[in-house]
Amino acid sequence: MVDRQPIVLDALLVGALAPIDDRGTLSGIDKRPACGAVYLGATGFAGDHQGDVKRHGGIDKAVHHYPLDHYHAWAQDIGSVPPLEMPGAFGENLSTVGLTENDIAVGDRFRLGQALLEVSQGRQPCWKLNRRFGLPDMARRVQQSGRTGWYYRVIEAGFVSAGDRLQLLDRPAAEWTIGRLWHYLYVDTLNREALSQIANLAVLPPSWRDYAAKRLQTRTVEDWTRRLDGEPFQR
C-alpha cells in the first residue's frame, strides 16, 4: 500500500457526440456531469463517446483526468470564458482537486469505486480544444503550459460515482511523472539519455515509446502542426 491520502472525485463526466465545427465534425469533448453510478469498462464509461476513435479513446485512453486545480490559472490566462464555468472544459471524465501532473506518474494504480485504473500517458492536446474555447491556439497553449491532464487504462472494470475516492495502490515508476514526461516531449526534446529511458519504459503505450525511439534514430522532433492546428481556424 502506498501512503497517500485518497482524493475525492468531485465530478464524473461523460459526453454525447455533437458537431464541433461548421463542417459538422463530431466530437464528445463537451462532457457533462453524470448522475449516480456509471459503469466503467475497458474502453471507457458507459454513455461517453469520441468522434474520432482512431485518435481518441481506446484501451490506453479509456479515461481522461483533468485537474480542477488548473481552472484558475486558465481563467487568468484567457479570461472567464464559458467552458471554464464548470468541470468538463477540457473533455475530462474525472475532475478532482489535489492532484496535478507533477503528482501523477505513469504506471500509478488507483482504486476508484469498483474500478482499478492505471495511469497510461499524458494528454496530447488537439485542435478540437481550439474550437471548444474559440481560440485558434488553445491546443498549443495547453501543450506549452504542461497543464495537459492524463489518461488511464482500466485494469478492473466496475461502477464509479462522483464522491468516490481515488486511492493510490502502487507506483512502479515514481520518477516518471506526467510532468517529467511532458518536459522531455515538449521542452528538452532531444535529450538522448531521457529519450532512451522513455523508449524502454514498459508502462508507456507503444506509441509514446516510438516517439522517443524515432527521435533517437532521426535526431529530429515529429511535426505537431496538424494535431494542434487542424484546418484553418475561423472565428
C-alpha atoms as a PDB file:
ATOM      1  CA  MET A   1       0.000   0.000   0.000  1.00  0.00           C
ATOM      2  CA  VAL A   2       1.312   3.444  -0.932  1.00  0.00           C
ATOM      3  CA  ASP A   3       0.978   6.015   1.844  1.00  0.00           C
ATOM      4  CA  ARG A   4      -1.049   8.827   0.302  1.00  0.00           C
ATOM      5  CA  GLN A   5      -4.369  10.284   1.298  1.00  0.00           C
ATOM      6  CA  PRO A   6      -7.188   9.412  -1.128  1.00  0.00           C
ATOM      7  CA  ILE A   7      -8.555  12.159  -3.369  1.00  0.00           C
ATOM      8  CA  VAL A   8     -12.287  12.735  -3.691  1.00  0.00           C
ATOM      9  CA  LEU A   9     -13.764  12.525  -7.189  1.00  0.00           C
ATOM     10  CA  ASP A  10     -15.579  15.851  -7.401  1.00  0.00           C
ATOM     11  CA  ALA A  11     -17.236  15.169 -10.749  1.00  0.00           C
ATOM     12  CA  LEU A  12     -17.659  12.246 -13.137  1.00  0.00           C
ATOM     13  CA  LEU A  13     -18.375  13.452 -16.676  1.00  0.00           C
ATOM     14  CA  VAL A  14     -19.430  11.870 -19.959  1.00  0.00           C
ATOM     15  CA  GLY A  15     -20.119  13.345 -23.376  1.00  0.00           C
ATOM     16  CA  ALA A  16     -22.500  12.718 -26.248  1.00  0.00           C
ATOM     17  CA  LEU A  17     -21.436  13.306 -29.839  1.00  0.00           C
ATOM     18  CA  ALA A  18     -22.161  16.767 -31.253  1.00  0.00           C
ATOM     19  CA  PRO A  19     -20.793  18.880 -34.144  1.00  0.00           C
ATOM     20  CA  ILE A  20     -17.799  20.968 -33.118  1.00  0.00           C
ATOM     21  CA  ASP A  21     -17.247  22.988 -36.304  1.00  0.00           C
ATOM     22  CA  ASP A  22     -19.059  24.242 -39.395  1.00  0.00           C
ATOM     23  CA  ARG A  23     -18.111  21.081 -41.294  1.00  0.00           C
ATOM     24  CA  GLY A  24     -20.135  19.004 -38.846  1.00  0.00           C
ATOM     25  CA  THR A  25     -17.135  17.226 -37.326  1.00  0.00           C
ATOM     26  CA  LEU A  26     -18.464  15.163 -34.428  1.00  0.00           C
ATOM     27  CA  SER A  27     -16.810  15.251 -31.010  1.00  0.00           C
ATOM     28  CA  GLY A  28     -17.598  14.146 -27.482  1.00  0.00           C
ATOM     29  CA  ILE A  29     -15.401  16.820 -25.895  1.00  0.00           C
ATOM     30  CA  ASP A  30     -18.369  18.589 -24.282  1.00  0.00           C
ATOM     31  CA  LYS A  31     -18.559  16.479 -21.113  1.00  0.00           C
ATOM     32  CA  ARG A  32     -21.413  16.849 -18.625  1.00  0.00           C
ATOM     33  CA  PRO A  33     -21.798  15.509 -15.059  1.00  0.00           C
ATOM     34  CA  ALA A  34     -23.231  12.008 -14.848  1.00  0.00           C
ATOM     35  CA  CYS A  35     -25.857  11.115 -12.272  1.00  0.00           C
ATOM     36  CA  GLY A  36     -25.313   8.154  -9.966  1.00  0.00           C
ATOM     37  CA  ALA A  37     -23.030   5.204 -10.562  1.00  0.00           C
ATOM     38  CA  VAL A  38     -21.673   4.765 -14.093  1.00  0.00           C
ATOM     39  CA  TYR A  39     -20.163   1.547 -15.408  1.00  0.00           C
ATOM     40  CA  LEU A  40     -16.527   1.808 -16.460  1.00  0.00           C
ATOM     41  CA  GLY A  41     -15.421  -0.822 -18.939  1.00  0.00           C
ATOM     42  CA  ALA A  42     -12.170  -1.464 -20.765  1.00  0.00           C
ATOM     43  CA  THR A  43     -12.639   1.409 -23.226  1.00  0.00           C
ATOM     44  CA  GLY A  44     -14.374   3.967 -21.047  1.00  0.00           C
ATOM     45  CA  PHE A  45     -17.530   4.993 -19.231  1.00  0.00           C
ATOM     46  CA  ALA A  46     -20.985   3.948 -20.385  1.00  0.00           C
ATOM     47  CA  GLY A  47     -22.546   6.861 -22.247  1.00  0.00           C
ATOM     48  CA  ASP A  48     -19.230   8.519 -23.087  1.00  0.00           C
ATOM     49  CA  HIS A  49     -18.342   8.964 -26.760  1.00  0.00           C
ATOM     50  CA  GLN A  50     -15.467  10.045 -29.013  1.00  0.00           C
ATOM     51  CA  GLY A  51     -15.914  11.360 -32.523  1.00  0.00           C
ATOM     52  CA  ASP A  52     -12.515  10.195 -33.754  1.00  0.00           C
ATOM     53  CA  VAL A  53     -11.953   6.742 -32.306  1.00  0.00           C
ATOM     54  CA  LYS A  54      -8.644   6.404 -34.161  1.00  0.00           C
ATOM     55  CA  ARG A  55      -7.044   9.179 -32.092  1.00  0.00           C
ATOM     56  CA  HIS A  56      -9.267   9.313 -29.010  1.00  0.00           C
ATOM     57  CA  GLY A  57     -10.417   6.671 -26.588  1.00  0.00           C
ATOM     58  CA  GLY A  58      -9.327   3.043 -26.720  1.00  0.00           C
ATOM     59  CA  ILE A  59      -7.600   0.852 -24.160  1.00  0.00           C
ATOM     60  CA  ASP A  60      -4.774   3.276 -23.311  1.00  0.00           C
ATOM     61  CA  LYS A  61      -7.011   6.369 -23.301  1.00  0.00           C
ATOM     62  CA  ALA A  62     -10.110   4.946 -21.688  1.00  0.00           C
ATOM     63  CA  VAL A  63     -10.436   7.671 -19.030  1.00  0.00           C
ATOM     64  CA  HIS A  64      -9.271  11.289 -19.123  1.00  0.00           C
ATOM     65  CA  HIS A  65      -8.458  13.086 -15.858  1.00  0.00           C
ATOM     66  CA  TYR A  66      -8.008  16.850 -15.730  1.00  0.00           C
ATOM     67  CA  PRO A  67      -7.262  18.764 -12.525  1.00  0.00           C
ATOM     68  CA  LEU A  68      -9.798  21.362 -11.486  1.00  0.00           C
ATOM     69  CA  ASP A  69      -6.720  22.940  -9.864  1.00  0.00           C
ATOM     70  CA  HIS A  70      -5.769  24.378 -13.286  1.00  0.00           C
ATOM     71  CA  TYR A  71      -9.007  26.231 -13.964  1.00  0.00           C
ATOM     72  CA  HIS A  72      -7.998  29.363 -12.035  1.00  0.00           C
ATOM     73  CA  ALA A  73      -4.730  29.639 -13.976  1.00  0.00           C
ATOM     74  CA  TRP A  74      -6.610  29.285 -17.263  1.00  0.00           C
ATOM     75  CA  ALA A  75      -9.084  31.989 -16.272  1.00  0.00           C
ATOM     76  CA  GLN A  76      -6.129  34.274 -15.577  1.00  0.00           C
ATOM     77  CA  ASP A  77      -4.573  33.395 -18.942  1.00  0.00           C
ATOM     78  CA  ILE A  78      -7.591  33.576 -21.253  1.00  0.00           C
ATOM     79  CA  GLY A  79     -10.383  35.147 -19.204  1.00  0.00           C
ATOM     80  CA  SER A  80     -13.579  33.703 -17.788  1.00  0.00           C
ATOM     81  CA  VAL A  81     -14.811  32.013 -20.965  1.00  0.00           C
ATOM     82  CA  PRO A  82     -17.958  29.826 -20.809  1.00  0.00           C
ATOM     83  CA  PRO A  83     -16.208  26.404 -20.915  1.00  0.00           C
ATOM     84  CA  LEU A  84     -14.399  27.245 -17.663  1.00  0.00           C
ATOM     85  CA  GLU A  85     -17.622  27.780 -15.746  1.00  0.00           C
ATOM     86  CA  MET A  86     -17.797  24.129 -14.720  1.00  0.00           C
ATOM     87  CA  PRO A  87     -15.742  20.907 -14.926  1.00  0.00           C
ATOM     88  CA  GLY A  88     -15.617  19.286 -18.350  1.00  0.00           C
ATOM     89  CA  ALA A  89     -13.994  22.187 -20.210  1.00  0.00           C
ATOM     90  CA  PHE A  90     -11.106  20.031 -21.415  1.00  0.00           C
ATOM     91  CA  GLY A  91     -13.115  16.930 -22.217  1.00  0.00           C
ATOM     92  CA  GLU A  92     -12.222  15.250 -18.939  1.00  0.00           C
ATOM     93  CA  ASN A  93     -14.075  12.316 -17.409  1.00  0.00           C
ATOM     94  CA  LEU A  94     -12.622  12.803 -13.921  1.00  0.00           C
ATOM     95  CA  SER A  95     -12.336  16.113 -12.079  1.00  0.00           C
ATOM     96  CA  THR A  96     -10.505  16.437  -8.762  1.00  0.00           C
ATOM     97  CA  VAL A  97      -8.634  18.918  -6.602  1.00  0.00           C
ATOM     98  CA  GLY A  98      -5.275  17.930  -5.143  1.00  0.00           C
ATOM     99  CA  LEU A  99      -3.584  16.019  -7.979  1.00  0.00           C
ATOM    100  CA  THR A 100      -1.621  17.533 -10.848  1.00  0.00           C
ATOM    101  CA  GLU A 101       0.802  16.300 -13.500  1.00  0.00           C
ATOM    102  CA  ASN A 102       3.694  16.585 -11.047  1.00  0.00           C
ATOM    103  CA  ASP A 103       1.953  14.259  -8.570  1.00  0.00           C
ATOM    104  CA  ILE A 104       0.998  11.522 -11.039  1.00  0.00           C
ATOM    105  CA  ALA A 105       3.402   9.026 -12.600  1.00  0.00           C
ATOM    106  CA  VAL A 106       2.861   6.563 -15.419  1.00  0.00           C
ATOM    107  CA  GLY A 107       2.038   3.136 -14.050  1.00  0.00           C
ATOM    108  CA  ASP A 108       0.363   4.525 -10.918  1.00  0.00           C
ATOM    109  CA  ARG A 109      -2.558   2.296  -9.968  1.00  0.00           C
ATOM    110  CA  PHE A 110      -5.662   3.681  -8.306  1.00  0.00           C
ATOM    111  CA  ARG A 111      -8.796   2.137  -6.886  1.00  0.00           C
ATOM    112  CA  LEU A 112     -11.812   4.283  -7.772  1.00  0.00           C
ATOM    113  CA  GLY A 113     -15.162   2.881  -6.722  1.00  0.00           C
ATOM    114  CA  GLN A 114     -15.227  -0.678  -8.021  1.00  0.00           C
ATOM    115  CA  ALA A 115     -12.704   0.010 -10.778  1.00  0.00           C
ATOM    116  CA  LEU A 116      -8.924  -0.296 -10.821  1.00  0.00           C
ATOM    117  CA  LEU A 117      -7.159   2.279 -13.024  1.00  0.00           C
ATOM    118  CA  GLU A 118      -3.564   2.598 -14.237  1.00  0.00           C
ATOM    119  CA  VAL A 119      -2.043   5.861 -15.472  1.00  0.00           C
ATOM    120  CA  SER A 120      -1.042   5.244 -19.086  1.00  0.00           C
ATOM    121  CA  GLN A 121       0.122   8.553 -20.610  1.00  0.00           C
ATOM    122  CA  GLY A 122      -0.256  12.315 -20.663  1.00  0.00           C
ATOM    123  CA  ARG A 123      -2.816  14.022 -22.836  1.00  0.00           C
ATOM    124  CA  GLN A 124      -1.604  15.277 -26.217  1.00  0.00           C
ATOM    125  CA  PRO A 125      -3.923  18.223 -26.907  1.00  0.00           C
ATOM    126  CA  CYS A 126      -5.503  18.505 -30.332  1.00  0.00           C
ATOM    127  CA  TRP A 127      -7.173  21.198 -32.431  1.00  0.00           C
ATOM    128  CA  LYS A 128     -10.637  20.443 -31.061  1.00  0.00           C
ATOM    129  CA  LEU A 129      -9.664  22.471 -27.993  1.00  0.00           C
ATOM    130  CA  ASN A 130      -9.296  25.463 -30.330  1.00  0.00           C
ATOM    131  CA  ARG A 131     -12.929  25.088 -31.368  1.00  0.00           C
ATOM    132  CA  ARG A 132     -14.083  24.365 -27.842  1.00  0.00           C
ATOM    133  CA  PHE A 133     -12.574  27.576 -26.449  1.00  0.00           C
ATOM    134  CA  GLY A 134     -12.908  29.777 -29.526  1.00  0.00           C
ATOM    135  CA  LEU A 135      -9.144  30.394 -29.559  1.00  0.00           C
ATOM    136  CA  PRO A 136      -7.013  29.393 -32.561  1.00  0.00           C
ATOM    137  CA  ASP A 137      -4.042  28.462 -30.367  1.00  0.00           C
ATOM    138  CA  MET A 138      -5.695  26.856 -27.338  1.00  0.00           C
ATOM    139  CA  ALA A 139      -4.239  23.418 -28.030  1.00  0.00           C
ATOM    140  CA  ARG A 140      -0.772  24.946 -28.272  1.00  0.00           C
ATOM    141  CA  ARG A 141      -1.348  26.838 -25.034  1.00  0.00           C
ATOM    142  CA  VAL A 142      -2.286  23.622 -23.275  1.00  0.00           C
ATOM    143  CA  GLN A 143       0.760  21.797 -24.626  1.00  0.00           C
ATOM    144  CA  GLN A 144       3.147  24.627 -23.777  1.00  0.00           C
ATOM    145  CA  SER A 145       1.736  25.086 -20.279  1.00  0.00           C
ATOM    146  CA  GLY A 146       2.193  21.479 -19.195  1.00  0.00           C
ATOM    147  CA  ARG A 147      -1.381  21.599 -17.864  1.00  0.00           C
ATOM    148  CA  THR A 148      -2.397  18.693 -20.069  1.00  0.00           C
ATOM    149  CA  GLY A 149      -4.104  16.168 -17.829  1.00  0.00           C
ATOM    150  CA  TRP A 150      -3.557  12.438 -18.261  1.00  0.00           C
ATOM    151  CA  TYR A 151      -5.183   9.150 -19.236  1.00  0.00           C
ATOM    152  CA  TYR A 152      -5.859   5.827 -17.550  1.00  0.00           C
ATOM    153  CA  ARG A 153      -6.250   2.298 -18.813  1.00  0.00           C
ATOM    154  CA  VAL A 154      -8.798   0.148 -16.984  1.00  0.00           C
ATOM    155  CA  ILE A 155      -7.326  -2.874 -15.191  1.00  0.00           C
ATOM    156  CA  GLU A 156     -10.563  -3.905 -13.479  1.00  0.00           C
ATOM    157  CA  ALA A 157     -13.976  -2.752 -14.657  1.00  0.00           C
ATOM    158  CA  GLY A 158     -16.739  -1.655 -12.307  1.00  0.00           C
ATOM    159  CA  PHE A 159     -19.092   1.100 -11.257  1.00  0.00           C
ATOM    160  CA  VAL A 160     -17.815   4.580 -10.345  1.00  0.00           C
ATOM    161  CA  SER A 161     -19.671   7.541  -8.828  1.00  0.00           C
ATOM    162  CA  ALA A 162     -18.889  11.153  -8.064  1.00  0.00           C
ATOM    163  CA  GLY A 163     -17.838  11.254  -4.425  1.00  0.00           C
ATOM    164  CA  ASP A 164     -15.798   8.046  -4.688  1.00  0.00           C
ATOM    165  CA  ARG A 165     -12.211   8.270  -3.524  1.00  0.00           C
ATOM    166  CA  LEU A 166      -9.181   7.805  -5.743  1.00  0.00           C
ATOM    167  CA  GLN A 167      -6.831   5.655  -3.654  1.00  0.00           C
ATOM    168  CA  LEU A 168      -3.262   5.122  -4.836  1.00  0.00           C
ATOM    169  CA  LEU A 169      -2.260   1.460  -4.502  1.00  0.00           C
ATOM    170  CA  ASP A 170       1.020   1.139  -6.392  1.00  0.00           C
ATOM    171  CA  ARG A 171       3.553   3.259  -8.279  1.00  0.00           C
ATOM    172  CA  PRO A 172       6.224   1.253 -10.074  1.00  0.00           C
ATOM    173  CA  ALA A 173       7.767   4.210 -11.951  1.00  0.00           C
ATOM    174  CA  ALA A 174       7.501   7.078  -9.466  1.00  0.00           C
ATOM    175  CA  GLU A 175      10.304   9.048 -11.103  1.00  0.00           C
ATOM    176  CA  TRP A 176       8.398   9.304 -14.390  1.00  0.00           C
ATOM    177  CA  THR A 177       5.678  11.775 -13.555  1.00  0.00           C
ATOM    178  CA  ILE A 178       3.425  13.132 -16.273  1.00  0.00           C
ATOM    179  CA  GLY A 179       5.142  16.480 -15.723  1.00  0.00           C
ATOM    180  CA  ARG A 180       8.583  14.979 -16.330  1.00  0.00           C
ATOM    181  CA  LEU A 181       7.421  13.195 -19.466  1.00  0.00           C
ATOM    182  CA  TRP A 182       5.939  16.464 -20.725  1.00  0.00           C
ATOM    183  CA  HIS A 183       9.294  18.200 -20.177  1.00  0.00           C
ATOM    184  CA  TYR A 184      11.178  15.764 -22.386  1.00  0.00           C
ATOM    185  CA  LEU A 185       8.459  15.506 -25.030  1.00  0.00           C
ATOM    186  CA  TYR A 186       7.914  19.252 -25.460  1.00  0.00           C
ATOM    187  CA  VAL A 187      10.766  21.227 -23.863  1.00  0.00           C
ATOM    188  CA  ASP A 188      14.089  19.337 -23.732  1.00  0.00           C
ATOM    189  CA  THR A 189      13.016  17.383 -26.791  1.00  0.00           C
ATOM    190  CA  LEU A 190      16.289  15.761 -27.882  1.00  0.00           C
ATOM    191  CA  ASN A 191      17.782  14.763 -24.539  1.00  0.00           C
ATOM    192  CA  ARG A 192      19.210  11.407 -25.537  1.00  0.00           C
ATOM    193  CA  GLU A 193      19.514   9.964 -22.037  1.00  0.00           C
ATOM    194  CA  ALA A 194      15.900  10.767 -21.210  1.00  0.00           C
ATOM    195  CA  LEU A 195      14.662   9.558 -24.611  1.00  0.00           C
ATOM    196  CA  SER A 196      16.449   6.261 -24.139  1.00  0.00           C
ATOM    197  CA  GLN A 197      14.708   5.758 -20.807  1.00  0.00           C
ATOM    198  CA  ILE A 198      11.317   6.708 -22.253  1.00  0.00           C
ATOM    199  CA  ALA A 199      11.785   4.307 -25.175  1.00  0.00           C
ATOM    200  CA  ASN A 200      12.251   1.496 -22.666  1.00  0.00           C
ATOM    201  CA  LEU A 201       9.541   2.498 -20.190  1.00  0.00           C
ATOM    202  CA  ALA A 202       7.321  -0.574 -20.310  1.00  0.00           C
ATOM    203  CA  VAL A 203       4.250   1.051 -18.703  1.00  0.00           C
ATOM    204  CA  LEU A 204       4.020   3.607 -21.529  1.00  0.00           C
ATOM    205  CA  PRO A 205       1.927   2.744 -24.605  1.00  0.00           C
ATOM    206  CA  PRO A 206       3.948   1.694 -27.672  1.00  0.00           C
ATOM    207  CA  SER A 207       3.070   4.943 -29.491  1.00  0.00           C
ATOM    208  CA  TRP A 208       4.823   7.042 -26.824  1.00  0.00           C
ATOM    209  CA  ARG A 209       7.856   4.766 -26.708  1.00  0.00           C
ATOM    210  CA  ASP A 210       8.003   5.040 -30.501  1.00  0.00           C
ATOM    211  CA  TYR A 211       8.200   8.855 -30.310  1.00  0.00           C
ATOM    212  CA  ALA A 212      11.319   8.523 -28.201  1.00  0.00           C
ATOM    213  CA  ALA A 213      12.853   5.779 -30.339  1.00  0.00           C
ATOM    214  CA  LYS A 214      12.316   7.730 -33.565  1.00  0.00           C
ATOM    215  CA  ARG A 215      13.825  10.895 -32.098  1.00  0.00           C
ATOM    216  CA  LEU A 216      16.868   8.917 -31.050  1.00  0.00           C
ATOM    217  CA  GLN A 217      17.175   7.490 -34.549  1.00  0.00           C
ATOM    218  CA  THR A 218      16.487  10.629 -36.597  1.00  0.00           C
ATOM    219  CA  ARG A 219      17.600  13.346 -34.153  1.00  0.00           C
ATOM    220  CA  THR A 220      14.506  15.307 -35.128  1.00  0.00           C
ATOM    221  CA  VAL A 221      11.176  16.018 -33.442  1.00  0.00           C
ATOM    222  CA  GLU A 222       7.887  14.994 -35.036  1.00  0.00           C
ATOM    223  CA  ASP A 223       5.699  17.703 -36.565  1.00  0.00           C
ATOM    224  CA  TRP A 224       2.835  18.694 -34.226  1.00  0.00           C
ATOM    225  CA  THR A 225       1.162  21.160 -36.624  1.00  0.00           C
ATOM    226  CA  ARG A 226      -1.740  19.042 -37.850  1.00  0.00           C
ATOM    227  CA  ARG A 227      -2.602  17.762 -34.375  1.00  0.00           C
ATOM    228  CA  LEU A 228      -2.502  21.213 -32.784  1.00  0.00           C
ATOM    229  CA  ASP A 229      -3.907  23.405 -35.555  1.00  0.00           C
ATOM    230  CA  GLY A 230      -6.211  21.186 -37.610  1.00  0.00           C
ATOM    231  CA  GLU A 231      -7.844  23.009 -40.510  1.00  0.00           C
ATOM    232  CA  PRO A 232      -7.528  26.831 -40.783  1.00  0.00           C
ATOM    233  CA  PHE A 233      -9.343  28.423 -37.858  1.00  0.00           C
ATOM    234  CA  GLN A 234     -12.382  30.620 -38.467  1.00  0.00           C
ATOM    235  CA  ARG A 235     -13.830  32.594 -35.560  1.00  0.00           C
END
